[in-house]
Amino acid sequence: MSTYDTMRHFADGIGLIIMVGVFLTLCAWPFRPGSKHHNRAAAHSIFEENEGGE
């Protein structure tokens, strides 16, 4: 079995499962318990005054 076939088999199987797991984790990350404060701070950060005086 060549290196290409080995990598192709990995990408078709285990690699796909890992990528789906990472995708689902990143999609669910903002909804974890305790993140409400961080999400609200990020949403309101654009309305804060500039400290540079511009």
Protein backbone atom coordinates (compact mmCIF):
# COMPACT_ATOMS: atom_id res chain seq x y z
CA MET A 1 0.00 0.00 0.00
CA SER A 2 1.43 3.35 -1.01
CA THR A 3 1.61 6.46 1.17
CA TYR A 4 -1.18 8.05 -0.87
CA ASP A 5 -3.50 5.10 -0.27
CA THR A 6 -2.71 5.11 3.45
CA MET A 7 -3.41 8.83 3.79
CA ARG A 8 -6.57 8.49 1.67
CA HIS A 9 -7.84 5.69 3.90
CA PHE A 10 -7.11 7.78 7.02
CA ALA A 11 -8.89 10.85 5.59
CA ASP A 12 -11.92 8.78 4.57
CA GLY A 13 -12.31 7.20 7.99
CA ILE A 14 -10.70 8.48 11.14
CA GLY A 15 -9.84 11.90 9.73
CA LEU A 16 -13.48 12.55 8.82
CA ILE A 17 -14.64 11.58 12.32
CA ILE A 18 -12.03 13.89 13.89
CA MET A 19 -12.99 16.81 11.63
CA VAL A 20 -16.70 16.37 12.40
CA GLY A 21 -15.90 16.24 16.13
CA VAL A 22 -13.86 19.44 15.96
CA PHE A 23 -16.58 21.16 13.92
CA LEU A 24 -19.32 20.21 16.39
CA THR A 25 -17.16 21.28 19.35
CA LEU A 26 -16.48 24.69 17.81
CA CYS A 27 -20.16 25.17 16.96
CA ALA A 28 -21.23 24.31 20.53
CA TRP A 29 -18.46 26.30 22.26
CA PRO A 30 -20.39 29.63 22.56
CA PHE A 31 -23.33 27.81 24.17
CA ARG A 32 -21.38 26.22 27.03
CA PRO A 33 -22.46 27.01 30.59
CA GLY A 34 -20.78 30.09 32.02
CA SER A 35 -20.01 31.76 28.70
CA LYS A 36 -22.88 34.25 28.82
CA HIS A 37 -20.67 37.00 30.32
CA HIS A 38 -17.97 36.55 27.65
CA ASN A 39 -20.51 36.52 24.82
CA ARG A 40 -22.22 39.66 26.11
CA ALA A 41 -18.87 41.47 26.52
CA ALA A 42 -17.87 40.55 22.97
CA ALA A 43 -21.22 41.69 21.58
CA HIS A 44 -21.06 45.07 23.33
CA SER A 45 -17.36 45.72 22.75
CA ILE A 46 -18.02 47.64 19.52
CA PHE A 47 -20.07 50.21 21.44
CA GLU A 48 -17.31 51.09 23.91
CA GLU A 49 -15.58 54.45 23.63
CA ASN A 50 -12.16 54.57 21.99
CA GLU A 51 -9.44 55.42 24.48
CA GLY A 52 -7.31 57.01 21.75
CA GLY A 53 -9.55 60.06 21.53
CA GLU A 54 -10.53 59.53 17.89
